[in-house]
Amino acid sequence: MTVTIREELGTVRRAFTTEVVALREEIGVLRRDITTEVVVLRDEIGVLRRDLGKLHTEVVAHRGDLAGFQVPEPGREGEEVGSEVSEEARMAGVEVPKEVGMAGAEEVGVEVPEEVG
């Protein structure tokens, strides 16, 4: 009976050792896979960050472009209430500040009223 128990224990121990070795190999494979995925994700994050930086730069540039062409709203301080602005300019949200002058307004297609002198 003792011999049978020892043989049984030896068989269980070998099976357990085989399972442990297989699990360790599987863990190694999973670690490599995870490491590979982490590297790929880091690369993708880097690309997204660069793209976001480029997008931010473009947005700032477009805002700067639009800031130079703002059409004043009628009734604003220093503006004539009856000043005419084309419908296209209003729909596009284009504004022309006084600093730009009327030449700047004509460049973006804003109708410039003739001043009566």
C-alpha atoms as a PDB file:
ATOM      1  CA  MET A   1       0.000   0.000   0.000  1.00  0.00           C
ATOM      2  CA  THR A   2       2.827   2.419   0.841  1.00  0.00           C
ATOM      3  CA  VAL A   3       4.476   1.594  -2.481  1.00  0.00           C
ATOM      4  CA  THR A   4       1.247   2.275  -4.349  1.00  0.00           C
ATOM      5  CA  ILE A   5       0.848   5.655  -2.601  1.00  0.00           C
ATOM      6  CA  ARG A   6       4.473   6.588  -3.430  1.00  0.00           C
ATOM      7  CA  GLU A   7       3.984   5.644  -7.082  1.00  0.00           C
ATOM      8  CA  GLU A   8       0.754   7.647  -7.153  1.00  0.00           C
ATOM      9  CA  LEU A   9       2.517  10.659  -5.585  1.00  0.00           C
ATOM     10  CA  GLY A  10       5.338  10.384  -8.133  1.00  0.00           C
ATOM     11  CA  THR A  11       2.842  10.323 -10.997  1.00  0.00           C
ATOM     12  CA  VAL A  12       0.954  13.326  -9.595  1.00  0.00           C
ATOM     13  CA  ARG A  13       4.236  15.188  -9.015  1.00  0.00           C
ATOM     14  CA  ARG A  14       5.372  14.601 -12.629  1.00  0.00           C
ATOM     15  CA  ALA A  15       1.995  15.682 -13.994  1.00  0.00           C
ATOM     16  CA  PHE A  16       2.098  18.778 -11.777  1.00  0.00           C
ATOM     17  CA  THR A  17       5.648  19.613 -12.888  1.00  0.00           C
ATOM     18  CA  THR A  18       4.633  19.184 -16.536  1.00  0.00           C
ATOM     19  CA  GLU A  19       1.688  21.547 -16.001  1.00  0.00           C
ATOM     20  CA  VAL A  20       3.910  24.105 -14.246  1.00  0.00           C
ATOM     21  CA  VAL A  21       6.416  24.031 -17.116  1.00  0.00           C
ATOM     22  CA  ALA A  22       3.612  24.427 -19.681  1.00  0.00           C
ATOM     23  CA  LEU A  23       2.132  27.340 -17.714  1.00  0.00           C
ATOM     24  CA  ARG A  24       5.526  29.041 -17.459  1.00  0.00           C
ATOM     25  CA  GLU A  25       5.983  28.746 -21.223  1.00  0.00           C
ATOM     26  CA  GLU A  26       2.494  30.125 -21.790  1.00  0.00           C
ATOM     27  CA  ILE A  27       3.203  33.021 -19.413  1.00  0.00           C
ATOM     28  CA  GLY A  28       6.390  33.765 -21.362  1.00  0.00           C
ATOM     29  CA  VAL A  29       4.458  33.828 -24.639  1.00  0.00           C
ATOM     30  CA  LEU A  30       1.806  36.096 -23.118  1.00  0.00           C
ATOM     31  CA  ARG A  31       4.477  38.445 -21.752  1.00  0.00           C
ATOM     32  CA  ARG A  32       6.058  38.737 -25.194  1.00  0.00           C
ATOM     33  CA  ASP A  33       2.649  39.332 -26.782  1.00  0.00           C
ATOM     34  CA  ILE A  34       1.760  41.980 -24.204  1.00  0.00           C
ATOM     35  CA  THR A  35       5.143  43.660 -24.596  1.00  0.00           C
ATOM     36  CA  THR A  36       4.682  43.725 -28.369  1.00  0.00           C
ATOM     37  CA  GLU A  37       1.181  45.199 -28.000  1.00  0.00           C
ATOM     38  CA  VAL A  38       2.440  47.831 -25.540  1.00  0.00           C
ATOM     39  CA  VAL A  39       5.174  48.873 -27.975  1.00  0.00           C
ATOM     40  CA  VAL A  40       2.641  49.111 -30.821  1.00  0.00           C
ATOM     41  CA  LEU A  41       0.257  51.149 -28.639  1.00  0.00           C
ATOM     42  CA  ARG A  42       3.067  53.493 -27.588  1.00  0.00           C
ATOM     43  CA  ASP A  43       3.940  54.046 -31.243  1.00  0.00           C
ATOM     44  CA  GLU A  44       0.287  54.734 -32.083  1.00  0.00           C
ATOM     45  CA  ILE A  45      -0.002  57.141 -29.145  1.00  0.00           C
ATOM     46  CA  GLY A  46       3.100  58.952 -30.397  1.00  0.00           C
ATOM     47  CA  VAL A  47       1.589  59.270 -33.868  1.00  0.00           C
ATOM     48  CA  LEU A  48      -1.689  60.550 -32.403  1.00  0.00           C
ATOM     49  CA  ARG A  49       0.159  63.091 -30.262  1.00  0.00           C
ATOM     50  CA  ARG A  50       2.082  64.365 -33.285  1.00  0.00           C
ATOM     51  CA  ASP A  51      -1.137  64.549 -35.308  1.00  0.00           C
ATOM     52  CA  LEU A  52      -2.854  66.389 -32.460  1.00  0.00           C
ATOM     53  CA  GLY A  53       0.026  68.862 -32.345  1.00  0.00           C
ATOM     54  CA  LYS A  54      -0.255  69.429 -36.099  1.00  0.00           C
ATOM     55  CA  LEU A  55      -4.025  69.861 -35.795  1.00  0.00           C
ATOM     56  CA  HIS A  56      -3.579  72.359 -32.975  1.00  0.00           C
ATOM     57  CA  THR A  57      -1.093  74.308 -35.090  1.00  0.00           C
ATOM     58  CA  GLU A  58      -3.514  74.328 -38.032  1.00  0.00           C
ATOM     59  CA  VAL A  59      -6.409  75.483 -35.828  1.00  0.00           C
ATOM     60  CA  VAL A  60      -4.296  78.314 -34.430  1.00  0.00           C
ATOM     61  CA  ALA A  61      -3.288  79.315 -37.965  1.00  0.00           C
ATOM     62  CA  HIS A  62      -6.895  79.275 -39.170  1.00  0.00           C
ATOM     63  CA  ARG A  63      -8.024  81.290 -36.166  1.00  0.00           C
ATOM     64  CA  GLY A  64      -5.291  83.794 -36.935  1.00  0.00           C
ATOM     65  CA  ASP A  65      -6.405  83.948 -40.567  1.00  0.00           C
ATOM     66  CA  LEU A  66     -10.016  84.526 -39.565  1.00  0.00           C
ATOM     67  CA  ALA A  67      -9.154  87.030 -36.839  1.00  0.00           C
ATOM     68  CA  GLY A  68      -7.952  89.454 -39.489  1.00  0.00           C
ATOM     69  CA  PHE A  69     -11.309  89.415 -41.312  1.00  0.00           C
ATOM     70  CA  GLN A  70     -14.118  90.140 -38.853  1.00  0.00           C
ATOM     71  CA  VAL A  71     -17.215  92.008 -40.020  1.00  0.00           C
ATOM     72  CA  PRO A  72     -18.468  94.436 -37.362  1.00  0.00           C
ATOM     73  CA  GLU A  73     -22.024  93.986 -36.140  1.00  0.00           C
ATOM     74  CA  PRO A  74     -24.360  96.945 -36.729  1.00  0.00           C
ATOM     75  CA  GLY A  75     -24.812  99.013 -33.600  1.00  0.00           C
ATOM     76  CA  ARG A  76     -21.381  98.226 -32.201  1.00  0.00           C
ATOM     77  CA  GLU A  77     -19.469 101.122 -30.775  1.00  0.00           C
ATOM     78  CA  GLY A  78     -17.973 103.179 -33.596  1.00  0.00           C
ATOM     79  CA  GLU A  79     -20.019 101.486 -36.331  1.00  0.00           C
ATOM     80  CA  GLU A  80     -22.843 102.834 -38.430  1.00  0.00           C
ATOM     81  CA  VAL A  81     -26.106 101.036 -37.805  1.00  0.00           C
ATOM     82  CA  GLY A  82     -26.893 100.969 -41.502  1.00  0.00           C
ATOM     83  CA  SER A  83     -23.554  99.557 -42.713  1.00  0.00           C
ATOM     84  CA  GLU A  84     -23.998  96.886 -45.343  1.00  0.00           C
ATOM     85  CA  VAL A  85     -22.371  93.473 -45.136  1.00  0.00           C
ATOM     86  CA  SER A  86     -22.928  90.777 -47.753  1.00  0.00           C
ATOM     87  CA  GLU A  87     -25.105  87.817 -46.828  1.00  0.00           C
ATOM     88  CA  GLU A  88     -22.238  85.458 -47.732  1.00  0.00           C
ATOM     89  CA  ALA A  89     -19.980  87.170 -45.219  1.00  0.00           C
ATOM     90  CA  ARG A  90     -22.622  86.982 -42.494  1.00  0.00           C
ATOM     91  CA  MET A  91     -23.278  83.287 -43.166  1.00  0.00           C
ATOM     92  CA  ALA A  92     -19.553  82.509 -43.170  1.00  0.00           C
ATOM     93  CA  GLY A  93     -19.135  84.361 -39.884  1.00  0.00           C
ATOM     94  CA  VAL A  94     -16.452  86.579 -41.395  1.00  0.00           C
ATOM     95  CA  GLU A  95     -15.744  89.742 -39.439  1.00  0.00           C
ATOM     96  CA  VAL A  96     -13.539  92.621 -40.605  1.00  0.00           C
ATOM     97  CA  PRO A  97     -12.052  94.798 -37.862  1.00  0.00           C
ATOM     98  CA  LYS A  98     -11.377  98.487 -38.523  1.00  0.00           C
ATOM     99  CA  GLU A  99      -7.612  97.851 -38.423  1.00  0.00           C
ATOM    100  CA  VAL A 100      -7.816  95.726 -41.573  1.00  0.00           C
ATOM    101  CA  GLY A 101      -9.452  98.490 -43.570  1.00  0.00           C
ATOM    102  CA  MET A 102     -11.794  98.283 -46.486  1.00  0.00           C
ATOM    103  CA  ALA A 103      -9.217  96.725 -48.838  1.00  0.00           C
ATOM    104  CA  GLY A 104      -9.077  93.702 -46.553  1.00  0.00           C
ATOM    105  CA  ALA A 105     -12.870  93.439 -46.638  1.00  0.00           C
ATOM    106  CA  GLU A 106     -12.952  93.489 -50.441  1.00  0.00           C
ATOM    107  CA  GLU A 107     -10.414  90.656 -50.583  1.00  0.00           C
ATOM    108  CA  VAL A 108     -12.796  88.331 -48.744  1.00  0.00           C
ATOM    109  CA  GLY A 109     -15.824  89.348 -50.817  1.00  0.00           C
ATOM    110  CA  VAL A 110     -17.459  91.730 -48.353  1.00  0.00           C
ATOM    111  CA  GLU A 111     -19.412  94.534 -49.989  1.00  0.00           C
ATOM    112  CA  VAL A 112     -17.942  97.840 -48.903  1.00  0.00           C
ATOM    113  CA  PRO A 113     -20.384 100.776 -48.674  1.00  0.00           C
ATOM    114  CA  GLU A 114     -19.227 103.982 -50.344  1.00  0.00           C
ATOM    115  CA  GLU A 115     -18.596 106.759 -47.883  1.00  0.00           C
ATOM    116  CA  VAL A 116     -20.462 109.984 -48.491  1.00  0.00           C
ATOM    117  CA  GLY A 117     -17.955 112.780 -48.063  1.00  0.00           C
END
